[in-house]
């Protein structure tokens, strides 16, 4: 994998995967989109586990809806999420950067997103050790 070769040859070896908090739950009516999000979720945790003794840190940043131009460009300004209050992009970036520097694995931004993610943490399985 060319990307991992590049990461392995660097002095500071960090990978940050950013994905939505919605990957915590199964989704309907968007099968391909939800499957691709679930893949990134699983891939990040598998990669972290496989690289745990290599010195490479894999961080999985899960912001909720973030104030960007996305919703306007996607013509979603008439939807609930498009019109709702969203996390500040600078705050999300700062949280992700701090987590990366600490080597934190899972990072959920915003208190509402953290509350929603508790459902996954209460599940009876561990994502840091898939066996």
C-alpha atoms as a PDB file:
ATOM      1  CA  UNK A   1       0.000   0.000   0.000  1.00  0.00           C
ATOM      2  CA  UNK A   2       1.839   3.149  -1.222  1.00  0.00           C
ATOM      3  CA  UNK A   3       0.233   5.444   1.363  1.00  0.00           C
ATOM      4  CA  UNK A   4       1.354   3.299   4.283  1.00  0.00           C
ATOM      5  CA  UNK A   5       4.888   3.085   2.855  1.00  0.00           C
ATOM      6  CA  UNK A   6       4.998   6.895   2.877  1.00  0.00           C
ATOM      7  CA  UNK A   7       3.611   7.041   6.421  1.00  0.00           C
ATOM      8  CA  UNK A   8       6.091   4.427   7.669  1.00  0.00           C
ATOM      9  CA  UNK A   9       9.088   6.384   6.344  1.00  0.00           C
ATOM     10  CA  UNK A  10       8.151   9.623   8.123  1.00  0.00           C
ATOM     11  CA  UNK A  11       9.421  10.638  11.543  1.00  0.00           C
ATOM     12  CA  UNK A  12       5.949  11.565  12.808  1.00  0.00           C
ATOM     13  CA  UNK A  13       3.584   8.843  11.702  1.00  0.00           C
ATOM     14  CA  UNK A  14      -0.045   9.736  12.112  1.00  0.00           C
ATOM     15  CA  UNK A  15      -3.144   8.935  10.104  1.00  0.00           C
ATOM     16  CA  UNK A  16      -6.359  10.848  10.768  1.00  0.00           C
ATOM     17  CA  UNK A  17      -9.570   9.450   9.311  1.00  0.00           C
ATOM     18  CA  UNK A  18     -12.518  11.806   9.498  1.00  0.00           C
ATOM     19  CA  UNK A  19     -15.965  10.351   9.193  1.00  0.00           C
ATOM     20  CA  UNK A  20     -19.427  11.233  10.405  1.00  0.00           C
ATOM     21  CA  UNK A  21     -20.822  10.104  13.740  1.00  0.00           C
ATOM     22  CA  UNK A  22     -23.671   8.553  11.767  1.00  0.00           C
ATOM     23  CA  UNK A  23     -21.504   5.518  11.013  1.00  0.00           C
ATOM     24  CA  UNK A  24     -22.288   4.347  14.524  1.00  0.00           C
ATOM     25  CA  UNK A  25     -25.799   3.396  13.426  1.00  0.00           C
ATOM     26  CA  UNK A  26     -27.081   1.443  10.445  1.00  0.00           C
ATOM     27  CA  UNK A  27     -28.765   3.642   7.866  1.00  0.00           C
ATOM     28  CA  UNK A  28     -31.630   3.209   5.461  1.00  0.00           C
ATOM     29  CA  UNK A  29     -32.531   4.638   2.046  1.00  0.00           C
ATOM     30  CA  UNK A  30     -28.849   5.298   1.235  1.00  0.00           C
ATOM     31  CA  UNK A  31     -27.375   1.806   1.047  1.00  0.00           C
ATOM     32  CA  UNK A  32     -24.189   2.604  -0.898  1.00  0.00           C
ATOM     33  CA  UNK A  33     -23.432   5.760   1.095  1.00  0.00           C
ATOM     34  CA  UNK A  34     -23.979   4.041   4.440  1.00  0.00           C
ATOM     35  CA  UNK A  35     -21.936   1.027   3.369  1.00  0.00           C
ATOM     36  CA  UNK A  36     -19.012   3.234   2.338  1.00  0.00           C
ATOM     37  CA  UNK A  37     -19.157   5.093   5.650  1.00  0.00           C
ATOM     38  CA  UNK A  38     -19.261   1.797   7.546  1.00  0.00           C
ATOM     39  CA  UNK A  39     -16.240   0.611   5.545  1.00  0.00           C
ATOM     40  CA  UNK A  40     -14.203   3.664   6.590  1.00  0.00           C
ATOM     41  CA  UNK A  41     -15.248   3.094  10.186  1.00  0.00           C
ATOM     42  CA  UNK A  42     -14.152  -0.528  10.145  1.00  0.00           C
ATOM     43  CA  UNK A  43     -11.006   0.200   8.133  1.00  0.00           C
ATOM     44  CA  UNK A  44      -9.782   2.818  10.618  1.00  0.00           C
ATOM     45  CA  UNK A  45     -10.116   0.489  13.576  1.00  0.00           C
ATOM     46  CA  UNK A  46      -8.575  -2.462  11.740  1.00  0.00           C
ATOM     47  CA  UNK A  47      -5.679  -0.290  10.571  1.00  0.00           C
ATOM     48  CA  UNK A  48      -5.108   0.993  14.107  1.00  0.00           C
ATOM     49  CA  UNK A  49      -5.007  -2.550  15.446  1.00  0.00           C
ATOM     50  CA  UNK A  50      -2.710  -3.833  12.704  1.00  0.00           C
ATOM     51  CA  UNK A  51      -0.267  -0.932  13.125  1.00  0.00           C
ATOM     52  CA  UNK A  52      -0.345  -0.749  16.931  1.00  0.00           C
ATOM     53  CA  UNK A  53       3.282  -1.898  17.341  1.00  0.00           C
ATOM     54  CA  UNK A  54       4.672   0.059  14.370  1.00  0.00           C
ATOM     55  CA  UNK A  55       4.723   3.546  15.861  1.00  0.00           C
ATOM     56  CA  UNK A  56       1.936   4.699  13.526  1.00  0.00           C
ATOM     57  CA  UNK A  57      -0.990   6.361  15.265  1.00  0.00           C
ATOM     58  CA  UNK A  58      -4.405   6.049  13.621  1.00  0.00           C
ATOM     59  CA  UNK A  59      -6.955   8.570  14.863  1.00  0.00           C
ATOM     60  CA  UNK A  60     -10.632   8.305  14.021  1.00  0.00           C
ATOM     61  CA  UNK A  61     -12.273  11.746  14.183  1.00  0.00           C
ATOM     62  CA  UNK A  62     -16.073  11.712  14.206  1.00  0.00           C
ATOM     63  CA  UNK A  63     -17.619  15.151  14.090  1.00  0.00           C
ATOM     64  CA  UNK A  64     -21.323  15.637  13.824  1.00  0.00           C
ATOM     65  CA  UNK A  65     -22.840  18.160  11.460  1.00  0.00           C
ATOM     66  CA  UNK A  66     -20.240  20.886  11.019  1.00  0.00           C
ATOM     67  CA  UNK A  67     -20.752  24.445   9.787  1.00  0.00           C
ATOM     68  CA  UNK A  68     -19.290  24.352   6.284  1.00  0.00           C
ATOM     69  CA  UNK A  69     -20.546  25.054   2.763  1.00  0.00           C
ATOM     70  CA  UNK A  70     -21.493  21.381   2.363  1.00  0.00           C
ATOM     71  CA  UNK A  71     -25.184  21.750   3.148  1.00  0.00           C
ATOM     72  CA  UNK A  72     -25.618  24.687   0.782  1.00  0.00           C
ATOM     73  CA  UNK A  73     -23.700  22.967  -2.027  1.00  0.00           C
ATOM     74  CA  UNK A  74     -25.696  19.765  -1.490  1.00  0.00           C
ATOM     75  CA  UNK A  75     -28.947  21.758  -1.696  1.00  0.00           C
ATOM     76  CA  UNK A  76     -29.848  20.680   1.834  1.00  0.00           C
ATOM     77  CA  UNK A  77     -30.717  24.038   3.342  1.00  0.00           C
ATOM     78  CA  UNK A  78     -34.380  23.006   3.540  1.00  0.00           C
ATOM     79  CA  UNK A  79     -33.635  19.925   5.678  1.00  0.00           C
ATOM     80  CA  UNK A  80     -33.574  19.549   9.442  1.00  0.00           C
ATOM     81  CA  UNK A  81     -29.802  19.109   9.565  1.00  0.00           C
ATOM     82  CA  UNK A  82     -29.265  21.909   7.034  1.00  0.00           C
ATOM     83  CA  UNK A  83     -31.115  24.435   9.163  1.00  0.00           C
ATOM     84  CA  UNK A  84     -29.974  23.210  12.584  1.00  0.00           C
ATOM     85  CA  UNK A  85     -27.109  24.570  14.660  1.00  0.00           C
ATOM     86  CA  UNK A  86     -23.886  22.850  13.723  1.00  0.00           C
ATOM     87  CA  UNK A  87     -20.435  22.523  15.239  1.00  0.00           C
ATOM     88  CA  UNK A  88     -17.900  25.200  14.387  1.00  0.00           C
ATOM     89  CA  UNK A  89     -15.374  23.917  11.819  1.00  0.00           C
ATOM     90  CA  UNK A  90     -12.428  25.522  13.644  1.00  0.00           C
ATOM     91  CA  UNK A  91     -13.443  23.810  16.903  1.00  0.00           C
ATOM     92  CA  UNK A  92     -13.698  20.449  15.143  1.00  0.00           C
ATOM     93  CA  UNK A  93     -10.272  20.940  13.548  1.00  0.00           C
ATOM     94  CA  UNK A  94      -8.715  21.959  16.869  1.00  0.00           C
ATOM     95  CA  UNK A  95     -10.202  18.944  18.638  1.00  0.00           C
ATOM     96  CA  UNK A  96      -8.893  16.660  15.901  1.00  0.00           C
ATOM     97  CA  UNK A  97      -5.431  18.226  15.986  1.00  0.00           C
ATOM     98  CA  UNK A  98      -5.147  17.924  19.765  1.00  0.00           C
ATOM     99  CA  UNK A  99      -6.270  14.293  19.596  1.00  0.00           C
ATOM    100  CA  UNK A 100      -3.725  13.588  16.886  1.00  0.00           C
ATOM    101  CA  UNK A 101      -0.915  15.093  18.945  1.00  0.00           C
ATOM    102  CA  UNK A 102      -1.959  13.036  22.002  1.00  0.00           C
ATOM    103  CA  UNK A 103      -2.395   9.868  19.975  1.00  0.00           C
ATOM    104  CA  UNK A 104      -6.030   9.484  21.003  1.00  0.00           C
ATOM    105  CA  UNK A 105      -7.832   6.752  19.051  1.00  0.00           C
ATOM    106  CA  UNK A 106     -11.524   7.694  18.947  1.00  0.00           C
ATOM    107  CA  UNK A 107     -12.513  11.336  18.936  1.00  0.00           C
ATOM    108  CA  UNK A 108     -16.135  12.441  18.903  1.00  0.00           C
ATOM    109  CA  UNK A 109     -16.643  16.195  18.797  1.00  0.00           C
ATOM    110  CA  UNK A 110     -19.509  18.084  20.421  1.00  0.00           C
ATOM    111  CA  UNK A 111     -21.465  17.049  23.492  1.00  0.00           C
ATOM    112  CA  UNK A 112     -24.552  15.938  21.534  1.00  0.00           C
ATOM    113  CA  UNK A 113     -22.444  13.709  19.325  1.00  0.00           C
ATOM    114  CA  UNK A 114     -20.717  12.256  22.381  1.00  0.00           C
ATOM    115  CA  UNK A 115     -24.083  11.485  23.906  1.00  0.00           C
ATOM    116  CA  UNK A 116     -25.180   9.680  20.739  1.00  0.00           C
ATOM    117  CA  UNK A 117     -21.941   7.729  20.569  1.00  0.00           C
ATOM    118  CA  UNK A 118     -22.489   6.288  24.042  1.00  0.00           C
ATOM    119  CA  UNK A 119     -24.770   3.764  22.395  1.00  0.00           C
ATOM    120  CA  UNK A 120     -21.786   2.240  20.611  1.00  0.00           C
ATOM    121  CA  UNK A 121     -19.612   2.257  23.711  1.00  0.00           C
ATOM    122  CA  UNK A 122     -22.320   0.391  25.591  1.00  0.00           C
ATOM    123  CA  UNK A 123     -22.357  -2.329  22.952  1.00  0.00           C
ATOM    124  CA  UNK A 124     -21.010  -5.667  24.094  1.00  0.00           C
ATOM    125  CA  UNK A 125     -17.890  -5.705  21.894  1.00  0.00           C
ATOM    126  CA  UNK A 126     -14.489  -4.053  21.766  1.00  0.00           C
ATOM    127  CA  UNK A 127     -13.263  -2.316  18.638  1.00  0.00           C
ATOM    128  CA  UNK A 128      -9.633  -2.024  19.740  1.00  0.00           C
ATOM    129  CA  UNK A 129      -9.223  -5.810  19.723  1.00  0.00           C
ATOM    130  CA  UNK A 130     -11.327  -7.465  17.015  1.00  0.00           C
ATOM    131  CA  UNK A 131     -10.636 -11.026  18.166  1.00  0.00           C
END
